Amino acid sequence: MGELLPYLLVWLAVTVPAAVIGWWRMFPKAGQPAWAAVVPGYNIYVLVVGVARLSLLWFILVLIPGVQIIAAILVNMEVARRFGRSEAFGLGLAILGPVFYPILGFGKARYQD
């Protein structure tokens, strides 16, 4: 694992800030506070309950290992739908969030309640 650590740290240093910056711009579009993007754990809650408008059960499902993969994909598809995007875009949010969340946050997509 020691030889992979530098690569993992670089990957985290690039992907996490990119997703958080995307959330920082996307949350206000959905009527949520921008600062919520930087609070670990709470940002996931805001994404699931506030932006996707899903129940608290979905937030719990996203926290359960194994189940979280399917739940996260479905949550991201719902986020995409709320912004008028396709299911394919939602899959992009789930798989390549550091690329697709800034597109959503900085783009012209508008939140549809």
N, C-alpha and C. Protein backbone atom coordinates (compact mmCIF):
# COMPACT_ATOMS: atom_id res chain seq x y z
N MET A 1 0.83 -1.20 0.00
CA MET A 1 0.00 0.00 0.00
C MET A 1 0.87 1.25 0.00
N GLY A 2 2.06 1.16 0.55
CA GLY A 2 2.94 2.31 0.66
C GLY A 2 3.29 2.94 -0.68
N GLU A 3 3.47 2.11 -1.72
CA GLU A 3 3.81 2.67 -3.02
C GLU A 3 2.62 3.33 -3.71
N LEU A 4 1.42 3.00 -3.30
CA LEU A 4 0.22 3.60 -3.89
C LEU A 4 -0.23 4.87 -3.17
N LEU A 5 0.26 5.10 -1.98
CA LEU A 5 -0.17 6.23 -1.17
C LEU A 5 0.00 7.59 -1.86
N PRO A 6 1.14 7.87 -2.51
CA PRO A 6 1.26 9.18 -3.17
C PRO A 6 0.21 9.39 -4.26
N TYR A 7 -0.09 8.34 -5.02
CA TYR A 7 -1.09 8.44 -6.07
C TYR A 7 -2.48 8.66 -5.49
N LEU A 8 -2.77 7.98 -4.40
CA LEU A 8 -4.06 8.15 -3.73
C LEU A 8 -4.20 9.56 -3.19
N LEU A 9 -3.16 10.10 -2.61
CA LEU A 9 -3.21 11.46 -2.07
C LEU A 9 -3.41 12.50 -3.18
N VAL A 10 -2.74 12.32 -4.31
CA VAL A 10 -2.93 13.24 -5.44
C VAL A 10 -4.35 13.14 -5.97
N TRP A 11 -4.86 11.92 -6.09
CA TRP A 11 -6.23 11.71 -6.57
C TRP A 11 -7.24 12.39 -5.64
N LEU A 12 -7.06 12.23 -4.33
CA LEU A 12 -7.95 12.88 -3.36
C LEU A 12 -7.81 14.40 -3.40
N ALA A 13 -6.60 14.89 -3.58
CA ALA A 13 -6.36 16.34 -3.61
C ALA A 13 -6.99 16.99 -4.83
N VAL A 14 -7.24 16.23 -5.87
CA VAL A 14 -7.86 16.78 -7.08
C VAL A 14 -9.38 16.57 -7.07
N THR A 15 -9.81 15.36 -6.76
CA THR A 15 -11.23 15.04 -6.92
C THR A 15 -12.12 15.63 -5.83
N VAL A 16 -11.69 15.59 -4.60
CA VAL A 16 -12.54 16.10 -3.51
C VAL A 16 -12.78 17.61 -3.65
N PRO A 17 -11.75 18.43 -3.84
CA PRO A 17 -12.03 19.87 -4.01
C PRO A 17 -12.89 20.17 -5.23
N ALA A 18 -12.70 19.43 -6.32
CA ALA A 18 -13.51 19.67 -7.52
C ALA A 18 -14.99 19.41 -7.25
N ALA A 19 -15.30 18.31 -6.56
CA ALA A 19 -16.69 18.01 -6.24
C ALA A 19 -17.26 19.05 -5.27
N VAL A 20 -16.48 19.44 -4.27
CA VAL A 20 -16.95 20.42 -3.29
C VAL A 20 -17.20 21.78 -3.95
N ILE A 21 -16.33 22.18 -4.87
CA ILE A 21 -16.54 23.44 -5.59
C ILE A 21 -17.82 23.37 -6.42
N GLY A 22 -18.06 22.23 -7.05
CA GLY A 22 -19.31 22.05 -7.80
C GLY A 22 -20.52 22.13 -6.89
N TRP A 23 -20.43 21.50 -5.72
CA TRP A 23 -21.55 21.57 -4.76
C TRP A 23 -21.73 23.00 -4.27
N TRP A 24 -20.62 23.71 -4.04
CA TRP A 24 -20.68 25.08 -3.54
C TRP A 24 -21.53 25.96 -4.47
N ARG A 25 -21.43 25.72 -5.75
CA ARG A 25 -22.20 26.49 -6.73
C ARG A 25 -23.59 25.91 -6.96
N MET A 26 -23.74 24.59 -6.79
CA MET A 26 -25.01 23.93 -7.07
C MET A 26 -26.01 24.08 -5.93
N PHE A 27 -25.55 23.99 -4.68
CA PHE A 27 -26.47 24.05 -3.54
C PHE A 27 -27.32 25.32 -3.54
N PRO A 28 -26.75 26.51 -3.75
CA PRO A 28 -27.60 27.71 -3.77
C PRO A 28 -28.65 27.70 -4.89
N LYS A 29 -28.34 27.06 -6.00
CA LYS A 29 -29.32 26.95 -7.08
C LYS A 29 -30.54 26.16 -6.62
N ALA A 30 -30.32 25.23 -5.69
CA ALA A 30 -31.40 24.40 -5.16
C ALA A 30 -31.98 24.96 -3.87
N GLY A 31 -31.59 26.18 -3.51
CA GLY A 31 -32.13 26.81 -2.31
C GLY A 31 -31.47 26.37 -1.02
N GLN A 32 -30.30 25.80 -1.11
CA GLN A 32 -29.56 25.33 0.06
C GLN A 32 -28.36 26.25 0.29
N PRO A 33 -27.86 26.32 1.53
CA PRO A 33 -26.70 27.19 1.79
C PRO A 33 -25.43 26.65 1.15
N ALA A 34 -24.63 27.52 0.57
CA ALA A 34 -23.38 27.12 -0.07
C ALA A 34 -22.40 26.52 0.94
N TRP A 35 -22.37 27.05 2.16
CA TRP A 35 -21.42 26.56 3.17
C TRP A 35 -21.64 25.09 3.50
N ALA A 36 -22.83 24.56 3.23
CA ALA A 36 -23.10 23.15 3.53
C ALA A 36 -22.20 22.22 2.71
N ALA A 37 -21.68 22.71 1.60
CA ALA A 37 -20.82 21.89 0.75
C ALA A 37 -19.51 21.50 1.43
N VAL A 38 -19.07 22.27 2.40
CA VAL A 38 -17.77 22.00 3.03
C VAL A 38 -17.87 21.30 4.38
N VAL A 39 -19.06 20.98 4.82
CA VAL A 39 -19.23 20.30 6.11
C VAL A 39 -19.38 18.79 5.86
N PRO A 40 -18.37 18.01 6.21
CA PRO A 40 -18.42 16.57 5.95
C PRO A 40 -19.63 15.91 6.60
N GLY A 41 -20.27 15.04 5.85
CA GLY A 41 -21.46 14.35 6.33
C GLY A 41 -22.72 15.15 6.10
N TYR A 42 -22.71 16.39 6.56
CA TYR A 42 -23.87 17.26 6.36
C TYR A 42 -24.05 17.56 4.87
N ASN A 43 -22.96 17.64 4.11
CA ASN A 43 -23.09 17.91 2.69
C ASN A 43 -23.82 16.77 1.97
N ILE A 44 -23.60 15.55 2.41
CA ILE A 44 -24.32 14.42 1.83
C ILE A 44 -25.79 14.49 2.20
N TYR A 45 -26.06 14.84 3.45
CA TYR A 45 -27.45 14.99 3.89
C TYR A 45 -28.17 16.06 3.06
N VAL A 46 -27.53 17.20 2.85
CA VAL A 46 -28.13 18.27 2.06
C VAL A 46 -28.35 17.81 0.62
N LEU A 47 -27.39 17.08 0.07
CA LEU A 47 -27.52 16.58 -1.29
C LEU A 47 -28.72 15.65 -1.42
N VAL A 48 -28.87 14.72 -0.48
CA VAL A 48 -29.92 13.71 -0.57
C VAL A 48 -31.29 14.29 -0.19
N VAL A 49 -31.37 14.96 0.95
CA VAL A 49 -32.66 15.42 1.46
C VAL A 49 -33.03 16.80 0.91
N GLY A 50 -32.06 17.69 0.79
CA GLY A 50 -32.35 19.05 0.36
C GLY A 50 -32.41 19.23 -1.14
N VAL A 51 -31.43 18.69 -1.86
CA VAL A 51 -31.36 18.90 -3.31
C VAL A 51 -32.18 17.86 -4.05
N ALA A 52 -31.96 16.58 -3.77
CA ALA A 52 -32.70 15.51 -4.46
C ALA A 52 -34.13 15.39 -3.95
N ARG A 53 -34.40 15.98 -2.78
CA ARG A 53 -35.74 15.92 -2.16
C ARG A 53 -36.21 14.49 -1.91
N LEU A 54 -35.27 13.65 -1.48
CA LEU A 54 -35.61 12.28 -1.11
C LEU A 54 -35.75 12.20 0.40
N SER A 55 -36.30 11.11 0.88
CA SER A 55 -36.54 10.96 2.31
C SER A 55 -35.25 10.67 3.07
N LEU A 56 -35.34 10.77 4.38
CA LEU A 56 -34.21 10.49 5.26
C LEU A 56 -33.71 9.06 5.08
N LEU A 57 -34.59 8.15 4.71
CA LEU A 57 -34.21 6.76 4.47
C LEU A 57 -33.11 6.68 3.40
N TRP A 58 -33.20 7.50 2.37
CA TRP A 58 -32.19 7.49 1.32
C TRP A 58 -30.83 7.93 1.86
N PHE A 59 -30.84 8.90 2.75
CA PHE A 59 -29.59 9.33 3.38
C PHE A 59 -28.97 8.18 4.15
N ILE A 60 -29.78 7.44 4.87
CA ILE A 60 -29.29 6.28 5.64
C ILE A 60 -28.76 5.21 4.69
N LEU A 61 -29.47 4.98 3.58
CA LEU A 61 -29.02 3.98 2.60
C LEU A 61 -27.66 4.35 1.99
N VAL A 62 -27.43 5.63 1.78
CA VAL A 62 -26.15 6.07 1.23
C VAL A 62 -25.00 5.81 2.21
N LEU A 63 -25.30 5.68 3.48
CA LEU A 63 -24.27 5.44 4.49
C LEU A 63 -23.96 3.95 4.72
N ILE A 64 -24.78 3.05 4.18
CA ILE A 64 -24.60 1.62 4.42
C ILE A 64 -23.69 1.02 3.34
N PRO A 65 -22.54 0.48 3.75
CA PRO A 65 -21.62 -0.11 2.77
C PRO A 65 -22.30 -1.20 1.94
N GLY A 66 -21.99 -1.22 0.67
CA GLY A 66 -22.60 -2.18 -0.25
C GLY A 66 -23.85 -1.61 -0.88
N VAL A 67 -24.79 -1.22 -0.05
CA VAL A 67 -26.04 -0.62 -0.52
C VAL A 67 -25.77 0.78 -1.08
N GLN A 68 -24.74 1.42 -0.54
CA GLN A 68 -24.48 2.82 -0.89
C GLN A 68 -24.18 3.00 -2.38
N ILE A 69 -23.65 2.02 -3.05
CA ILE A 69 -23.32 2.16 -4.46
C ILE A 69 -24.59 2.38 -5.28
N ILE A 70 -25.56 1.53 -5.09
CA ILE A 70 -26.83 1.66 -5.82
C ILE A 70 -27.57 2.91 -5.37
N ALA A 71 -27.61 3.15 -4.06
CA ALA A 71 -28.32 4.33 -3.54
C ALA A 71 -27.70 5.61 -4.06
N ALA A 72 -26.38 5.69 -4.11
CA ALA A 72 -25.71 6.90 -4.60
C ALA A 72 -26.01 7.14 -6.08
N ILE A 73 -26.03 6.08 -6.86
CA ILE A 73 -26.36 6.23 -8.28
C ILE A 73 -27.77 6.76 -8.43
N LEU A 74 -28.72 6.21 -7.68
CA LEU A 74 -30.11 6.66 -7.78
C LEU A 74 -30.29 8.08 -7.26
N VAL A 75 -29.58 8.44 -6.20
CA VAL A 75 -29.64 9.81 -5.68
C VAL A 75 -29.11 10.78 -6.73
N ASN A 76 -27.99 10.45 -7.35
CA ASN A 76 -27.42 11.33 -8.37
C ASN A 76 -28.32 11.44 -9.59
N MET A 77 -29.01 10.38 -9.94
CA MET A 77 -29.96 10.46 -11.05
C MET A 77 -31.11 11.40 -10.70
N GLU A 78 -31.53 11.39 -9.45
CA GLU A 78 -32.59 12.30 -9.01
C GLU A 78 -32.09 13.74 -8.99
N VAL A 79 -30.86 13.97 -8.58
CA VAL A 79 -30.28 15.31 -8.62
C VAL A 79 -30.27 15.82 -10.06
N ALA A 80 -29.82 14.98 -10.98
CA ALA A 80 -29.80 15.36 -12.40
C ALA A 80 -31.21 15.69 -12.88
N ARG A 81 -32.18 14.89 -12.51
CA ARG A 81 -33.56 15.13 -12.92
C ARG A 81 -34.08 16.46 -12.38
N ARG A 82 -33.72 16.79 -11.14
CA ARG A 82 -34.14 18.06 -10.54
C ARG A 82 -33.56 19.26 -11.27
N PHE A 83 -32.46 19.06 -11.94
CA PHE A 83 -31.84 20.14 -12.70
C PHE A 83 -32.16 20.04 -14.19
N GLY A 84 -33.11 19.20 -14.55
CA GLY A 84 -33.54 19.07 -15.94
C GLY A 84 -32.56 18.33 -16.82
N ARG A 85 -31.74 17.50 -16.24
CA ARG A 85 -30.76 16.73 -17.00
C ARG A 85 -31.22 15.28 -17.14
N SER A 86 -30.55 14.56 -18.01
CA SER A 86 -30.93 13.18 -18.31
C SER A 86 -30.41 12.21 -17.25
N GLU A 87 -30.88 10.96 -17.36
CA GLU A 87 -30.38 9.92 -16.47
C GLU A 87 -28.92 9.63 -16.75
N ALA A 88 -28.50 9.78 -17.99
CA ALA A 88 -27.09 9.59 -18.34
C ALA A 88 -26.22 10.62 -17.61
N PHE A 89 -26.70 11.86 -17.52
CA PHE A 89 -25.98 12.88 -16.78
C PHE A 89 -25.92 12.50 -15.30
N GLY A 90 -27.00 11.95 -14.77
CA GLY A 90 -27.02 11.48 -13.38
C GLY A 90 -26.01 10.38 -13.14
N LEU A 91 -25.87 9.50 -14.12
CA LEU A 91 -24.86 8.45 -14.01
C LEU A 91 -23.46 9.08 -14.03
N GLY A 92 -23.29 10.12 -14.84
CA GLY A 92 -22.04 10.85 -14.85
C GLY A 92 -21.74 11.49 -13.51
N LEU A 93 -22.78 12.04 -12.86
CA LEU A 93 -22.61 12.61 -11.53
C LEU A 93 -22.12 11.55 -10.54
N ALA A 94 -22.68 10.34 -10.67
CA ALA A 94 -22.31 9.27 -9.74
C ALA A 94 -20.90 8.74 -9.99
N ILE A 95 -20.52 8.64 -11.25
CA ILE A 95 -19.23 8.02 -11.58
C ILE A 95 -18.10 9.04 -11.65
N LEU A 96 -18.37 10.19 -12.23
CA LEU A 96 -17.35 11.23 -12.40
C LEU A 96 -17.83 12.54 -11.78
N GLY A 97 -18.20 12.49 -10.52
CA GLY A 97 -18.71 13.66 -9.81
C GLY A 97 -17.81 14.88 -9.88
N PRO A 98 -16.48 14.72 -9.74
CA PRO A 98 -15.60 15.89 -9.80
C PRO A 98 -15.62 16.61 -11.15
N VAL A 99 -16.11 15.95 -12.18
CA VAL A 99 -16.25 16.59 -13.49
C VAL A 99 -17.66 17.13 -13.67
N PHE A 100 -18.67 16.31 -13.33
CA PHE A 100 -20.05 16.65 -13.62
C PHE A 100 -20.67 17.64 -12.64
N TYR A 101 -20.27 17.62 -11.36
CA TYR A 101 -20.83 18.58 -10.41
C TYR A 101 -20.42 20.02 -10.73
N PRO A 102 -19.15 20.28 -11.10
CA PRO A 102 -18.84 21.65 -11.54
C PRO A 102 -19.60 22.06 -12.80
N ILE A 103 -19.83 21.11 -13.71
CA ILE A 103 -20.64 21.42 -14.90
C ILE A 103 -22.03 21.85 -14.47
N LEU A 104 -22.60 21.15 -13.51
CA LEU A 104 -23.94 21.48 -13.02
C LEU A 104 -23.93 22.80 -12.25
N GLY A 105 -22.93 23.00 -11.43
CA GLY A 105 -22.85 24.20 -10.61
C GLY A 105 -22.55 25.47 -11.39
N PHE A 106 -21.63 25.38 -12.33
CA PHE A 106 -21.22 26.56 -13.09
C PHE A 106 -22.01 26.73 -14.38
N GLY A 107 -22.76 25.71 -14.77
CA GLY A 107 -23.52 25.76 -16.02
C GLY A 107 -24.82 26.53 -15.87
N LYS A 108 -25.63 26.47 -16.90
CA LYS A 108 -26.89 27.22 -16.94
C LYS A 108 -28.08 26.42 -16.42
N ALA A 109 -27.84 25.21 -15.95
CA ALA A 109 -28.94 24.38 -15.46
C ALA A 109 -29.63 25.06 -14.29
N ARG A 110 -30.93 25.01 -14.26
CA ARG A 110 -31.74 25.61 -13.20
C ARG A 110 -32.46 24.51 -12.44
N TYR A 111 -32.59 24.71 -11.15
CA TYR A 111 -33.26 23.74 -10.28
C TYR A 111 -34.75 23.78 -10.52
N GLN A 112 -35.35 22.61 -10.65
CA GLN A 112 -36.79 22.50 -10.86
C GLN A 112 -37.40 21.74 -9.69
N ASP A 113 -38.16 22.44 -8.89
CA ASP A 113 -38.74 21.82 -7.69
C ASP A 113 -39.88 20.95 -8.02
